[in-house]
Amino acid sequence: MKPVVSLLNAWSCAIISLFAIAILSVLGSLYKSEHHGFTGSEGEPEDGGAVAGSIFTAVFVYIAFFVFCSFQAYLHARARRGGAISLS
């Protein structure tokens, strides 16, 4: 297989996705536990579980991005070595 995106784009996407997974997982767990700082005031959502569900859906999307971009970076590394079999 050949890579679809460039090496720089693949690594950038993988790193940004990893940070997004970490940050959104923390936010989702805070909403799921009905943390007072996120659901305690009048302007905040009352159903923290619904908000957490939406955030965890975004986490799964970023996991898919991370897997795809990591695989693209792997394909670039494999192509740089000369393919699956190297005779050097």
PDB file of N, CA and C in Angstrom:
ATOM      1  N   MET A   1       0.839  -1.182   0.000  1.00  0.00           N
ATOM      2  CA  MET A   1       0.000   0.000   0.000  1.00  0.00           C
ATOM      3  C   MET A   1       0.881   1.241   0.000  1.00  0.00           C
ATOM      4  N   LYS A   2       0.362   2.273  -0.598  1.00  0.00           N
ATOM      5  CA  LYS A   2       1.068   3.540  -0.606  1.00  0.00           C
ATOM      6  C   LYS A   2       0.367   4.500   0.351  1.00  0.00           C
ATOM      7  N   PRO A   3       1.128   5.380   1.001  1.00  0.00           N
ATOM      8  CA  PRO A   3       0.517   6.371   1.890  1.00  0.00           C
ATOM      9  C   PRO A   3      -0.366   7.347   1.117  1.00  0.00           C
ATOM     10  N   VAL A   4      -1.429   7.792   1.767  1.00  0.00           N
ATOM     11  CA  VAL A   4      -2.365   8.735   1.160  1.00  0.00           C
ATOM     12  C   VAL A   4      -1.977  10.173   1.491  1.00  0.00           C
ATOM     13  N   VAL A   5      -1.466  10.391   2.694  1.00  0.00           N
ATOM     14  CA  VAL A   5      -1.088  11.732   3.134  1.00  0.00           C
ATOM     15  C   VAL A   5       0.424  11.794   3.311  1.00  0.00           C
ATOM     16  N   SER A   6       0.949  13.014   3.372  1.00  0.00           N
ATOM     17  CA  SER A   6       2.389  13.178   3.526  1.00  0.00           C
ATOM     18  C   SER A   6       2.837  12.786   4.941  1.00  0.00           C
ATOM     19  N   LEU A   7       4.134  12.622   5.089  1.00  0.00           N
ATOM     20  CA  LEU A   7       4.686  12.217   6.376  1.00  0.00           C
ATOM     21  C   LEU A   7       4.426  13.267   7.450  1.00  0.00           C
ATOM     22  N   LEU A   8       4.612  14.536   7.119  1.00  0.00           N
ATOM     23  CA  LEU A   8       4.377  15.612   8.086  1.00  0.00           C
ATOM     24  C   LEU A   8       2.911  15.657   8.509  1.00  0.00           C
ATOM     25  N   ASN A   9       2.004  15.516   7.548  1.00  0.00           N
ATOM     26  CA  ASN A   9       0.580  15.513   7.888  1.00  0.00           C
ATOM     27  C   ASN A   9       0.205  14.303   8.736  1.00  0.00           C
ATOM     28  N   ALA A  10       0.794  13.163   8.457  1.00  0.00           N
ATOM     29  CA  ALA A  10       0.492  11.955   9.225  1.00  0.00           C
ATOM     30  C   ALA A  10       0.923  12.118  10.678  1.00  0.00           C
ATOM     31  N   TRP A  11       2.146  12.594  10.903  1.00  0.00           N
ATOM     32  CA  TRP A  11       2.624  12.762  12.281  1.00  0.00           C
ATOM     33  C   TRP A  11       1.864  13.871  13.006  1.00  0.00           C
ATOM     34  N   SER A  12       1.572  14.949  12.298  1.00  0.00           N
ATOM     35  CA  SER A  12       0.813  16.044  12.921  1.00  0.00           C
ATOM     36  C   SER A  12      -0.568  15.565  13.354  1.00  0.00           C
ATOM     37  N   CYS A  13      -1.240  14.844  12.486  1.00  0.00           N
ATOM     38  CA  CYS A  13      -2.569  14.321  12.797  1.00  0.00           C
ATOM     39  C   CYS A  13      -2.509  13.355  13.978  1.00  0.00           C
ATOM     40  N   ALA A  14      -1.489  12.494  14.015  1.00  0.00           N
ATOM     41  CA  ALA A  14      -1.366  11.528  15.102  1.00  0.00           C
ATOM     42  C   ALA A  14      -1.141  12.230  16.447  1.00  0.00           C
ATOM     43  N   ILE A  15      -0.285  13.225  16.466  1.00  0.00           N
ATOM     44  CA  ILE A  15       0.020  13.926  17.723  1.00  0.00           C
ATOM     45  C   ILE A  15      -1.175  14.747  18.191  1.00  0.00           C
ATOM     46  N   ILE A  16      -1.816  15.464  17.277  1.00  0.00           N
ATOM     47  CA  ILE A  16      -2.990  16.257  17.658  1.00  0.00           C
ATOM     48  C   ILE A  16      -4.112  15.346  18.139  1.00  0.00           C
ATOM     49  N   SER A  17      -4.296  14.212  17.480  1.00  0.00           N
ATOM     50  CA  SER A  17      -5.336  13.264  17.891  1.00  0.00           C
ATOM     51  C   SER A  17      -5.043  12.702  19.278  1.00  0.00           C
ATOM     52  N   LEU A  18      -3.785  12.435  19.566  1.00  0.00           N
ATOM     53  CA  LEU A  18      -3.420  11.905  20.886  1.00  0.00           C
ATOM     54  C   LEU A  18      -3.738  12.914  21.983  1.00  0.00           C
ATOM     55  N   PHE A  19      -3.411  14.178  21.761  1.00  0.00           N
ATOM     56  CA  PHE A  19      -3.749  15.216  22.737  1.00  0.00           C
ATOM     57  C   PHE A  19      -5.259  15.378  22.878  1.00  0.00           C
ATOM     58  N   ALA A  20      -5.981  15.326  21.766  1.00  0.00           N
ATOM     59  CA  ALA A  20      -7.441  15.458  21.821  1.00  0.00           C
ATOM     60  C   ALA A  20      -8.070  14.308  22.590  1.00  0.00           C
ATOM     61  N   ILE A  21      -7.556  13.105  22.414  1.00  0.00           N
ATOM     62  CA  ILE A  21      -8.072  11.943  23.149  1.00  0.00           C
ATOM     63  C   ILE A  21      -7.884  12.153  24.644  1.00  0.00           C
ATOM     64  N   ALA A  22      -6.712  12.609  25.046  1.00  0.00           N
ATOM     65  CA  ALA A  22      -6.431  12.807  26.469  1.00  0.00           C
ATOM     66  C   ALA A  22      -7.318  13.902  27.064  1.00  0.00           C
ATOM     67  N   ILE A  23      -7.385  15.037  26.393  1.00  0.00           N
ATOM     68  CA  ILE A  23      -8.143  16.171  26.935  1.00  0.00           C
ATOM     69  C   ILE A  23      -9.635  15.874  26.966  1.00  0.00           C
ATOM     70  N   LEU A  24     -10.171  15.327  25.878  1.00  0.00           N
ATOM     71  CA  LEU A  24     -11.602  15.046  25.840  1.00  0.00           C
ATOM     72  C   LEU A  24     -11.997  13.919  26.789  1.00  0.00           C
ATOM     73  N   SER A  25     -11.099  12.969  27.021  1.00  0.00           N
ATOM     74  CA  SER A  25     -11.403  11.906  27.991  1.00  0.00           C
ATOM     75  C   SER A  25     -11.547  12.474  29.400  1.00  0.00           C
ATOM     76  N   VAL A  26     -10.682  13.402  29.742  1.00  0.00           N
ATOM     77  CA  VAL A  26     -10.783  14.045  31.060  1.00  0.00           C
ATOM     78  C   VAL A  26     -12.076  14.844  31.166  1.00  0.00           C
ATOM     79  N   LEU A  27     -12.382  15.637  30.138  1.00  0.00           N
ATOM     80  CA  LEU A  27     -13.617  16.426  30.160  1.00  0.00           C
ATOM     81  C   LEU A  27     -14.852  15.524  30.223  1.00  0.00           C
ATOM     82  N   GLY A  28     -14.856  14.454  29.448  1.00  0.00           N
ATOM     83  CA  GLY A  28     -15.988  13.536  29.460  1.00  0.00           C
ATOM     84  C   GLY A  28     -16.179  12.868  30.808  1.00  0.00           C
ATOM     85  N   SER A  29     -15.091  12.494  31.444  1.00  0.00           N
ATOM     86  CA  SER A  29     -15.218  11.856  32.766  1.00  0.00           C
ATOM     87  C   SER A  29     -15.697  12.854  33.820  1.00  0.00           C
ATOM     88  N   LEU A  30     -15.315  14.129  33.684  1.00  0.00           N
ATOM     89  CA  LEU A  30     -15.801  15.139  34.625  1.00  0.00           C
ATOM     90  C   LEU A  30     -17.298  15.380  34.451  1.00  0.00           C
ATOM     91  N   TYR A  31     -17.761  15.432  33.218  1.00  0.00           N
ATOM     92  CA  TYR A  31     -19.205  15.586  32.989  1.00  0.00           C
ATOM     93  C   TYR A  31     -19.971  14.339  33.415  1.00  0.00           C
ATOM     94  N   LYS A  32     -19.396  13.165  33.191  1.00  0.00           N
ATOM     95  CA  LYS A  32     -20.074  11.918  33.557  1.00  0.00           C
ATOM     96  C   LYS A  32     -20.240  11.806  35.067  1.00  0.00           C
ATOM     97  N   SER A  33     -19.261  12.292  35.820  1.00  0.00           N
ATOM     98  CA  SER A  33     -19.338  12.227  37.283  1.00  0.00           C
ATOM     99  C   SER A  33     -20.111  13.396  37.879  1.00  0.00           C
ATOM    100  N   GLU A  34     -20.719  14.234  37.013  1.00  0.00           N
ATOM    101  CA  GLU A  34     -21.501  15.392  37.455  1.00  0.00           C
ATOM    102  C   GLU A  34     -20.665  16.327  38.350  1.00  0.00           C
ATOM    103  N   HIS A  35     -19.435  16.585  37.940  1.00  0.00           N
ATOM    104  CA  HIS A  35     -18.540  17.453  38.706  1.00  0.00           C
ATOM    105  C   HIS A  35     -19.170  18.832  38.863  1.00  0.00           C
ATOM    106  N   HIS A  36     -19.121  19.364  40.066  1.00  0.00           N
ATOM    107  CA  HIS A  36     -19.783  20.620  40.388  1.00  0.00           C
ATOM    108  C   HIS A  36     -19.292  21.792  39.528  1.00  0.00           C
ATOM    109  N   GLY A  37     -18.019  21.789  39.189  1.00  0.00           N
ATOM    110  CA  GLY A  37     -17.463  22.870  38.387  1.00  0.00           C
ATOM    111  C   GLY A  37     -18.003  22.905  36.966  1.00  0.00           C
ATOM    112  N   PHE A  38     -18.542  21.793  36.488  1.00  0.00           N
ATOM    113  CA  PHE A  38     -19.035  21.726  35.121  1.00  0.00           C
ATOM    114  C   PHE A  38     -20.553  21.685  35.029  1.00  0.00           C
ATOM    115  N   THR A  39     -21.239  21.272  36.077  1.00  0.00           N
ATOM    116  CA  THR A  39     -22.704  21.156  36.017  1.00  0.00           C
ATOM    117  C   THR A  39     -23.392  21.856  37.171  1.00  0.00           C
ATOM    118  N   GLY A  40     -22.691  22.654  37.960  1.00  0.00           N
ATOM    119  CA  GLY A  40     -23.263  23.206  39.178  1.00  0.00           C
ATOM    120  C   GLY A  40     -23.958  24.546  39.050  1.00  0.00           C
ATOM    121  N   SER A  41     -23.651  25.350  38.060  1.00  0.00           N
ATOM    122  CA  SER A  41     -24.251  26.682  37.993  1.00  0.00           C
ATOM    123  C   SER A  41     -25.501  26.672  37.108  1.00  0.00           C
ATOM    124  N   GLU A  42     -26.156  27.805  37.034  1.00  0.00           N
ATOM    125  CA  GLU A  42     -27.412  27.903  36.292  1.00  0.00           C
ATOM    126  C   GLU A  42     -27.223  27.802  34.781  1.00  0.00           C
ATOM    127  N   GLY A  43     -26.128  28.305  34.267  1.00  0.00           N
ATOM    128  CA  GLY A  43     -25.898  28.316  32.826  1.00  0.00           C
ATOM    129  C   GLY A  43     -25.320  27.018  32.281  1.00  0.00           C
ATOM    130  N   GLU A  44     -25.019  26.093  33.116  1.00  0.00           N
ATOM    131  CA  GLU A  44     -24.392  24.845  32.696  1.00  0.00           C
ATOM    132  C   GLU A  44     -25.448  23.782  32.391  1.00  0.00           C
ATOM    133  N   PRO A  45     -25.105  22.759  31.623  1.00  0.00           N
ATOM    134  CA  PRO A  45     -26.083  21.710  31.311  1.00  0.00           C
ATOM    135  C   PRO A  45     -26.447  20.900  32.554  1.00  0.00           C
ATOM    136  N   GLU A  46     -27.720  20.502  32.609  1.00  0.00           N
ATOM    137  CA  GLU A  46     -28.180  19.725  33.761  1.00  0.00           C
ATOM    138  C   GLU A  46     -27.913  18.239  33.595  1.00  0.00           C
ATOM    139  N   ASP A  47     -27.917  17.752  32.369  1.00  0.00           N
ATOM    140  CA  ASP A  47     -27.707  16.325  32.119  1.00  0.00           C
ATOM    141  C   ASP A  47     -26.256  16.090  31.708  1.00  0.00           C
ATOM    142  N   GLY A  48     -25.413  15.871  32.699  1.00  0.00           N
ATOM    143  CA  GLY A  48     -23.994  15.657  32.431  1.00  0.00           C
ATOM    144  C   GLY A  48     -23.727  14.378  31.676  1.00  0.00           C
ATOM    145  N   GLY A  49     -24.589  13.367  31.849  1.00  0.00           N
ATOM    146  CA  GLY A  49     -24.405  12.107  31.142  1.00  0.00           C
ATOM    147  C   GLY A  49     -24.565  12.248  29.643  1.00  0.00           C
ATOM    148  N   ALA A  50     -25.507  13.073  29.202  1.00  0.00           N
ATOM    149  CA  ALA A  50     -25.707  13.296  27.770  1.00  0.00           C
ATOM    150  C   ALA A  50     -24.517  14.043  27.167  1.00  0.00           C
ATOM    151  N   VAL A  51     -24.013  15.012  27.895  1.00  0.00           N
ATOM    152  CA  VAL A  51     -22.841  15.753  27.421  1.00  0.00           C
ATOM    153  C   VAL A  51     -21.634  14.816  27.353  1.00  0.00           C
ATOM    154  N   ALA A  52     -21.485  13.976  28.368  1.00  0.00           N
ATOM    155  CA  ALA A  52     -20.371  13.020  28.386  1.00  0.00           C
ATOM    156  C   ALA A  52     -20.468  12.051  27.210  1.00  0.00           C
ATOM    157  N   GLY A  53     -21.682  11.631  26.868  1.00  0.00           N
ATOM    158  CA  GLY A  53     -21.854  10.744  25.728  1.00  0.00           C
ATOM    159  C   GLY A  53     -21.408  11.380  24.429  1.00  0.00           C
ATOM    160  N   SER A  54     -21.720  12.656  24.251  1.00  0.00           N
ATOM    161  CA  SER A  54     -21.288  13.375  23.050  1.00  0.00           C
ATOM    162  C   SER A  54     -19.767  13.517  23.020  1.00  0.00           C
ATOM    163  N   ILE A  55     -19.196  13.807  24.156  1.00  0.00           N
ATOM    164  CA  ILE A  55     -17.739  13.968  24.220  1.00  0.00           C
ATOM    165  C   ILE A  55     -17.045  12.643  23.947  1.00  0.00           C
ATOM    166  N   PHE A  56     -17.567  11.545  24.495  1.00  0.00           N
ATOM    167  CA  PHE A  56     -16.941  10.241  24.264  1.00  0.00           C
ATOM    168  C   PHE A  56     -17.111   9.789  22.809  1.00  0.00           C
ATOM    169  N   THR A  57     -18.162  10.238  22.137  1.00  0.00           N
ATOM    170  CA  THR A  57     -18.285   9.974  20.703  1.00  0.00           C
ATOM    171  C   THR A  57     -17.154  10.671  19.940  1.00  0.00           C
ATOM    172  N   ALA A  58     -16.848  11.898  20.336  1.00  0.00           N
ATOM    173  CA  ALA A  58     -15.730  12.614  19.723  1.00  0.00           C
ATOM    174  C   ALA A  58     -14.406  11.912  20.017  1.00  0.00           C
ATOM    175  N   VAL A  59     -14.275  11.330  21.210  1.00  0.00           N
ATOM    176  CA  VAL A  59     -13.055  10.586  21.551  1.00  0.00           C
ATOM    177  C   VAL A  59     -12.890   9.399  20.613  1.00  0.00           C
ATOM    178  N   PHE A  60     -13.972   8.684  20.321  1.00  0.00           N
ATOM    179  CA  PHE A  60     -13.876   7.539  19.413  1.00  0.00           C
ATOM    180  C   PHE A  60     -13.512   7.973  17.991  1.00  0.00           C
ATOM    181  N   VAL A  61     -13.998   9.129  17.567  1.00  0.00           N
ATOM    182  CA  VAL A  61     -13.622   9.652  16.255  1.00  0.00           C
ATOM    183  C   VAL A  61     -12.128   9.973  16.232  1.00  0.00           C
ATOM    184  N   TYR A  62     -11.619  10.589  17.302  1.00  0.00           N
ATOM    185  CA  TYR A  62     -10.190  10.894  17.364  1.00  0.00           C
ATOM    186  C   TYR A  62      -9.343   9.634  17.474  1.00  0.00           C
ATOM    187  N   ILE A  63      -9.858   8.588  18.088  1.00  0.00           N
ATOM    188  CA  ILE A  63      -9.132   7.307  18.113  1.00  0.00           C
ATOM    189  C   ILE A  63      -8.999   6.769  16.692  1.00  0.00           C
ATOM    190  N   ALA A  64     -10.071   6.881  15.907  1.00  0.00           N
ATOM    191  CA  ALA A  64     -10.006   6.442  14.507  1.00  0.00           C
ATOM    192  C   ALA A  64      -8.991   7.278  13.725  1.00  0.00           C
ATOM    193  N   PHE A  65      -8.984   8.605  13.930  1.00  0.00           N
ATOM    194  CA  PHE A  65      -7.982   9.453  13.284  1.00  0.00           C
ATOM    195  C   PHE A  65      -6.572   9.032  13.688  1.00  0.00           C
ATOM    196  N   PHE A  66      -6.371   8.756  14.976  1.00  0.00           N
ATOM    197  CA  PHE A  66      -5.046   8.371  15.462  1.00  0.00           C
ATOM    198  C   PHE A  66      -4.578   7.071  14.813  1.00  0.00           C
ATOM    199  N   VAL A  67      -5.461   6.096  14.725  1.00  0.00           N
ATOM    200  CA  VAL A  67      -5.096   4.816  14.107  1.00  0.00           C
ATOM    201  C   VAL A  67      -4.753   5.016  12.633  1.00  0.00           C
ATOM    202  N   PHE A  68      -5.602   5.771  11.909  1.00  0.00           N
ATOM    203  CA  PHE A  68      -5.352   6.007  10.493  1.00  0.00           C
ATOM    204  C   PHE A  68      -4.033   6.740  10.276  1.00  0.00           C
ATOM    205  N   CYS A  69      -3.800   7.804  11.021  1.00  0.00           N
ATOM    206  CA  CYS A  69      -2.590   8.605  10.820  1.00  0.00           C
ATOM    207  C   CYS A  69      -1.337   7.856  11.248  1.00  0.00           C
ATOM    208  N   SER A  70      -1.427   7.056  12.286  1.00  0.00           N
ATOM    209  CA  SER A  70      -0.280   6.243  12.698  1.00  0.00           C
ATOM    210  C   SER A  70       0.048   5.206  11.627  1.00  0.00           C
ATOM    211  N   PHE A  71      -0.993   4.632  11.027  1.00  0.00           N
ATOM    212  CA  PHE A  71      -0.756   3.669   9.953  1.00  0.00           C
ATOM    213  C   PHE A  71      -0.121   4.350   8.742  1.00  0.00           C
ATOM    214  N   GLN A  72      -0.533   5.579   8.449  1.00  0.00           N
ATOM    215  CA  GLN A  72       0.087   6.321   7.355  1.00  0.00           C
ATOM    216  C   GLN A  72       1.568   6.604   7.645  1.00  0.00           C
ATOM    217  N   ALA A  73       1.887   6.948   8.878  1.00  0.00           N
ATOM    218  CA  ALA A  73       3.287   7.178   9.252  1.00  0.00           C
ATOM    219  C   ALA A  73       4.085   5.875   9.139  1.00  0.00           C
ATOM    220  N   TYR A  74       3.468   4.759   9.516  1.00  0.00           N
ATOM    221  CA  TYR A  74       4.124   3.455   9.373  1.00  0.00           C
ATOM    222  C   TYR A  74       4.395   3.143   7.900  1.00  0.00           C
ATOM    223  N   LEU A  75       3.435   3.443   7.035  1.00  0.00           N
ATOM    224  CA  LEU A  75       3.639   3.192   5.607  1.00  0.00           C
ATOM    225  C   LEU A  75       4.782   4.038   5.060  1.00  0.00           C
ATOM    226  N   HIS A  76       4.921   5.274   5.535  1.00  0.00           N
ATOM    227  CA  HIS A  76       6.048   6.109   5.106  1.00  0.00           C
ATOM    228  C   HIS A  76       7.367   5.516   5.577  1.00  0.00           C
ATOM    229  N   ALA A  77       7.408   5.035   6.810  1.00  0.00           N
ATOM    230  CA  ALA A  77       8.646   4.435   7.326  1.00  0.00           C
ATOM    231  C   ALA A  77       8.993   3.172   6.546  1.00  0.00           C
ATOM    232  N   ARG A  78       7.983   2.400   6.211  1.00  0.00           N
ATOM    233  CA  ARG A  78       8.206   1.173   5.454  1.00  0.00           C
ATOM    234  C   ARG A  78       8.680   1.482   4.036  1.00  0.00           C
ATOM    235  N   ALA A  79       8.105   2.510   3.415  1.00  0.00           N
ATOM    236  CA  ALA A  79       8.525   2.891   2.066  1.00  0.00           C
ATOM    237  C   ALA A  79       9.948   3.448   2.066  1.00  0.00           C
ATOM    238  N   ARG A  80      10.326   4.116   3.146  1.00  0.00           N
ATOM    239  CA  ARG A  80      11.677   4.683   3.234  1.00  0.00           C
ATOM    240  C   ARG A  80      12.730   3.582   3.316  1.00  0.00           C
ATOM    241  N   ARG A  81      12.400   2.441   3.972  1.00  0.00           N
ATOM    242  CA  ARG A  81      13.336   1.331   4.082  1.00  0.00           C
ATOM    243  C   ARG A  81      13.452   0.545   2.779  1.00  0.00           C
ATOM    244  N   GLY A  82      12.523   0.716   1.882  1.00  0.00           N
ATOM    245  CA  GLY A  82      12.604   0.003   0.616  1.00  0.00           C
ATOM    246  C   GLY A  82      11.549  -1.077   0.487  1.00  0.00           C
ATOM    247  N   GLY A  83      10.482  -1.002   1.229  1.00  0.00           N
ATOM    248  CA  GLY A  83       9.412  -1.983   1.096  1.00  0.00           C
ATOM    249  C   GLY A  83       9.392  -2.966   2.244  1.00  0.00           C
ATOM    250  N   ALA A  84       8.623  -4.002   2.075  1.00  0.00           N
ATOM    251  CA  ALA A  84       8.456  -4.989   3.133  1.00  0.00           C
ATOM    252  C   ALA A  84       9.724  -5.825   3.309  1.00  0.00           C
ATOM    253  N   ILE A  85      10.427  -6.093   2.211  1.00  0.00           N
ATOM    254  CA  ILE A  85      11.641  -6.919   2.258  1.00  0.00           C
ATOM    255  C   ILE A  85      12.825  -6.045   1.845  1.00  0.00           C
ATOM    256  N   SER A  86      13.794  -5.958   2.722  1.00  0.00           N
ATOM    257  CA  SER A  86      14.974  -5.170   2.430  1.00  0.00           C
ATOM    258  C   SER A  86      16.176  -6.104   2.302  1.00  0.00           C
ATOM    259  N   LEU A  87      16.915  -5.996   1.213  1.00  0.00           N
ATOM    260  CA  LEU A  87      18.050  -6.879   0.961  1.00  0.00           C
ATOM    261  C   LEU A  87      19.387  -6.178   1.174  1.00  0.00           C
ATOM    262  N   SER A  88      19.467  -5.273   2.102  1.00  0.00           N
ATOM    263  CA  SER A  88      20.729  -4.552   2.294  1.00  0.00           C
ATOM    264  C   SER A  88      21.538  -5.112   3.416  1.00  0.00           C
TER     265      SER A  88
END
